[in-house]
Amino acid sequence: MTGNHWETVYRRSREDEVSWFQKIPDTSLRMIEALDLDTDARILDVGGGASRLADGLLNAGYRHITVLDITEQALQQSRARLGERAPCVEWIAADITTFQPDTTWDVWHDRAVFHFLVTEEARAGYRRTLERALRPGGHVIIATFGPQGPEKCSGLPVVRYDPESLVAALGADFTLCHTELEQHATPAGHQQEFLYCWLQREDGGE
């Protein structure tokens, strides 16, 4: 991953100026709520940075939220925004392709990280972390650029996915449960096609 690149992006831009900004991450929140999990469920937001997903999850009553991002600058923006609620969230500055978790989560959420992994080496690192971090039977909600999405973002190349290619990239241990396309309006007024997928990991039982 390119940590220096993202540090520069967040130093130069407010959270509402980057192309992926969402005032309210409605689709992610709706898909997490649809899992019908207890509010004690452990949720990991990969690449959450300055995203407002943590705000929405706290508002919904979830008590075990972790936000991981490669850049401390983005995490600091979220901590500042949440103010006195910031200690209710666990914040981790790490590269998801090399991160070695010492715990597991019930939900792995990723909006717009995976499509930046353009090499098989990077994707393999992501999968290794996913396999260590997600409990058997856990859920993955992942959003990437869809088939008609842009080929670059923030000056970097990306990989566009359809449901079949995304499942193939994540591996056979995951069952695709639901997909939908979303047209995301950037702050500059452009439209970007996102593919959202909900997958469930095999529970490991016989």
Protein backbone atom coordinates (compact mmCIF):
# COMPACT_ATOMS: atom_id res chain seq x y z
CA MET A 1 0.00 0.00 0.00
CA THR A 2 1.01 3.66 -0.33
CA GLY A 3 0.84 5.19 3.13
CA ASN A 4 2.74 8.36 2.21
CA HIS A 5 0.34 9.04 -0.64
CA TRP A 6 -2.68 8.94 1.67
CA GLU A 7 -0.99 11.03 4.38
CA THR A 8 -0.48 13.71 1.73
CA VAL A 9 -4.08 13.45 0.53
CA TYR A 10 -5.51 13.96 4.01
CA ARG A 11 -3.12 16.79 4.87
CA ARG A 12 -4.13 18.68 1.74
CA SER A 13 -7.87 17.97 1.78
CA ARG A 14 -10.75 18.25 4.19
CA GLU A 15 -12.76 15.07 4.70
CA ASP A 16 -15.61 16.46 2.58
CA GLU A 17 -13.30 17.26 -0.35
CA VAL A 18 -12.07 13.74 -1.16
CA SER A 19 -13.94 11.89 -3.90
CA TRP A 20 -15.11 9.03 -1.67
CA PHE A 21 -16.70 11.30 0.96
CA GLN A 22 -20.18 10.34 2.18
CA LYS A 23 -22.03 12.56 4.61
CA ILE A 24 -24.00 9.50 5.69
CA PRO A 25 -22.80 6.02 4.56
CA ASP A 26 -26.38 4.80 4.11
CA THR A 27 -25.67 1.62 2.12
CA SER A 28 -23.00 0.35 4.51
CA LEU A 29 -25.13 1.10 7.57
CA ARG A 30 -28.19 -0.55 6.03
CA MET A 31 -26.27 -3.69 5.09
CA ILE A 32 -24.73 -3.98 8.56
CA GLU A 33 -28.12 -3.48 10.19
CA ALA A 34 -29.56 -6.20 7.92
CA LEU A 35 -27.19 -8.72 9.52
CA ASP A 36 -29.41 -8.46 12.63
CA LEU A 37 -26.46 -8.79 14.99
CA ASP A 38 -26.41 -7.94 18.68
CA THR A 39 -25.03 -4.51 19.52
CA ASP A 40 -22.12 -6.33 21.19
CA ALA A 41 -20.97 -7.54 17.75
CA ARG A 42 -17.37 -6.65 16.93
CA ILE A 43 -17.11 -4.57 13.75
CA LEU A 44 -13.88 -3.73 11.90
CA ASP A 45 -13.97 -0.87 9.39
CA VAL A 46 -11.00 -1.41 7.07
CA GLY A 47 -9.73 1.81 5.54
CA GLY A 48 -12.27 3.66 7.68
CA GLY A 49 -10.01 6.69 8.09
CA ALA A 50 -12.17 9.79 8.04
CA SER A 51 -15.32 7.85 7.12
CA ARG A 52 -18.46 8.60 9.10
CA LEU A 53 -19.41 4.94 9.42
CA ALA A 54 -18.20 4.85 13.03
CA ASP A 55 -20.52 7.77 13.83
CA GLY A 56 -23.49 5.89 12.42
CA LEU A 57 -22.60 2.67 14.19
CA LEU A 58 -22.28 4.47 17.52
CA ASN A 59 -25.65 6.13 16.89
CA ALA A 60 -27.12 2.67 16.24
CA GLY A 61 -25.85 1.45 19.61
CA TYR A 62 -22.93 -0.77 18.57
CA ARG A 63 -20.33 -0.93 21.33
CA HIS A 64 -17.30 -2.67 19.80
CA ILE A 65 -16.12 -0.70 16.77
CA THR A 66 -12.60 -0.72 15.37
CA VAL A 67 -11.43 1.62 12.62
CA LEU A 68 -8.22 0.71 10.78
CA ASP A 69 -6.51 2.94 8.25
CA ILE A 70 -3.06 3.20 6.74
CA THR A 71 -2.83 6.90 7.57
CA GLU A 72 -2.87 8.39 11.06
CA GLN A 73 -3.93 11.71 9.55
CA ALA A 74 -7.30 10.30 8.49
CA LEU A 75 -7.87 8.67 11.87
CA GLN A 76 -7.11 11.95 13.60
CA GLN A 77 -9.80 13.68 11.54
CA SER A 78 -12.35 11.13 12.75
CA ARG A 79 -11.22 11.36 16.37
CA ALA A 80 -11.54 15.15 16.22
CA ARG A 81 -15.00 14.92 14.67
CA LEU A 82 -16.27 12.43 17.25
CA GLY A 83 -14.86 14.44 20.14
CA GLU A 84 -15.80 12.94 23.49
CA ARG A 85 -17.13 9.83 21.73
CA ALA A 86 -13.75 9.05 20.13
CA PRO A 87 -12.60 6.81 23.04
CA CYS A 88 -15.62 4.57 22.34
CA VAL A 89 -13.86 3.45 19.14
CA GLU A 90 -10.60 1.52 18.81
CA TRP A 91 -8.26 3.22 16.31
CA ILE A 92 -5.51 1.31 14.49
CA ALA A 93 -3.00 2.84 12.07
CA ALA A 94 -1.77 -0.06 9.92
CA ASP A 95 -1.46 -1.40 6.38
CA ILE A 96 -4.19 -4.02 6.04
CA THR A 97 -2.00 -6.14 3.75
CA THR A 98 0.59 -6.65 6.50
CA PHE A 99 -1.51 -6.15 9.66
CA GLN A 100 -1.36 -9.07 12.10
CA PRO A 101 -4.47 -8.99 14.31
CA ASP A 102 -4.44 -10.56 17.74
CA THR A 103 -8.24 -10.79 17.92
CA THR A 104 -11.19 -11.55 15.64
CA TRP A 105 -14.23 -9.60 14.50
CA ASP A 106 -17.79 -10.53 13.57
CA VAL A 107 -18.02 -8.06 10.68
CA TRP A 108 -15.31 -6.92 8.25
CA HIS A 109 -16.36 -3.76 6.41
CA ASP A 110 -14.30 -2.30 3.57
CA ARG A 111 -15.47 0.52 1.35
CA ALA A 112 -12.89 1.40 -1.29
CA VAL A 113 -9.68 -0.27 -0.08
CA PHE A 114 -9.65 -3.57 -1.94
CA HIS A 115 -9.89 -2.02 -5.41
CA PHE A 116 -6.58 -0.19 -4.81
CA LEU A 117 -4.78 -3.54 -4.47
CA VAL A 118 -3.65 -3.98 -8.07
CA THR A 119 -1.04 -6.70 -7.52
CA GLU A 120 -1.64 -10.32 -6.55
CA GLU A 121 0.92 -9.90 -3.76
CA ALA A 122 -1.13 -7.11 -2.17
CA ARG A 123 -4.39 -9.02 -2.57
CA ALA A 124 -2.80 -12.12 -1.00
CA GLY A 125 -1.72 -10.03 1.98
CA TYR A 126 -5.27 -8.69 2.34
CA ARG A 127 -6.69 -12.22 2.23
CA ARG A 128 -4.25 -13.41 4.90
CA THR A 129 -5.33 -10.63 7.21
CA LEU A 130 -9.00 -11.30 6.47
CA GLU A 131 -8.60 -14.98 7.26
CA ARG A 132 -6.95 -14.17 10.60
CA ALA A 133 -9.27 -11.34 11.56
CA LEU A 134 -12.74 -12.65 10.71
CA ARG A 135 -14.31 -15.29 12.94
CA PRO A 136 -15.77 -18.44 11.32
CA GLY A 137 -19.29 -17.62 10.21
CA GLY A 138 -18.46 -13.90 10.19
CA HIS A 139 -19.62 -11.40 7.61
CA VAL A 140 -17.79 -9.36 4.98
CA ILE A 141 -19.33 -6.22 3.53
CA ILE A 142 -17.05 -4.90 0.81
CA ALA A 143 -17.50 -2.13 -1.73
CA THR A 144 -15.29 -1.67 -4.77
CA PHE A 145 -15.61 0.19 -8.03
CA GLY A 146 -18.07 -1.69 -10.21
CA PRO A 147 -17.69 -2.71 -13.86
CA GLN A 148 -18.49 0.83 -15.03
CA GLY A 149 -16.52 2.56 -12.28
CA PRO A 150 -13.41 4.69 -12.84
CA GLU A 151 -10.08 3.13 -13.72
CA LYS A 152 -8.17 5.49 -11.44
CA CYS A 153 -8.86 7.20 -8.13
CA SER A 154 -6.79 9.82 -6.33
CA GLY A 155 -4.19 9.43 -9.07
CA LEU A 156 -3.78 5.69 -8.47
CA PRO A 157 -4.85 2.75 -10.66
CA VAL A 158 -7.67 0.54 -9.38
CA VAL A 159 -9.24 -2.81 -10.21
CA ARG A 160 -12.93 -2.83 -11.12
CA TYR A 161 -15.04 -5.82 -10.07
CA ASP A 162 -18.27 -7.59 -10.78
CA PRO A 163 -19.69 -9.99 -8.16
CA GLU A 164 -18.10 -13.07 -9.71
CA SER A 165 -14.60 -11.63 -9.96
CA LEU A 166 -14.78 -10.22 -6.43
CA VAL A 167 -15.79 -13.58 -4.97
CA ALA A 168 -12.98 -15.24 -6.92
CA ALA A 169 -10.50 -12.69 -5.59
CA LEU A 170 -11.52 -13.25 -1.97
CA GLY A 171 -11.44 -17.05 -2.09
CA ALA A 172 -13.63 -20.11 -1.81
CA ASP A 173 -14.26 -19.78 1.94
CA PHE A 174 -16.81 -17.02 1.35
CA THR A 175 -20.40 -17.35 0.16
CA LEU A 176 -21.96 -14.43 -1.69
CA CYS A 177 -25.25 -13.48 -0.02
CA HIS A 178 -26.23 -10.16 -1.61
CA THR A 179 -24.97 -7.58 -4.11
CA GLU A 180 -26.06 -4.15 -5.24
CA LEU A 181 -24.74 -1.30 -7.34
CA GLU A 182 -24.66 2.28 -6.13
CA GLN A 183 -24.02 5.48 -8.01
CA HIS A 184 -21.88 7.55 -5.69
CA ALA A 185 -21.89 11.31 -6.23
CA THR A 186 -18.48 12.81 -5.46
CA PRO A 187 -18.15 16.28 -3.89
CA ALA A 188 -17.08 17.52 -7.35
CA GLY A 189 -20.37 16.30 -8.83
CA HIS A 190 -19.10 13.21 -10.68
CA GLN A 191 -20.81 9.81 -10.59
CA GLN A 192 -18.88 6.68 -9.62
CA GLU A 193 -20.30 3.16 -9.80
CA PHE A 194 -19.69 1.14 -6.63
CA LEU A 195 -20.37 -2.56 -6.22
CA TYR A 196 -21.41 -3.61 -2.71
CA CYS A 197 -21.22 -7.27 -1.75
CA TRP A 198 -22.18 -9.06 1.43
CA LEU A 199 -20.42 -12.38 1.90
CA GLN A 200 -20.39 -14.84 4.77
CA ARG A 201 -17.45 -16.95 5.82
CA GLU A 202 -17.93 -20.68 6.29
CA ASP A 203 -18.45 -21.44 9.95
CA GLY A 204 -15.91 -24.26 10.03
CA GLY A 205 -18.44 -26.80 11.29
CA GLU A 206 -18.92 -30.27 9.88
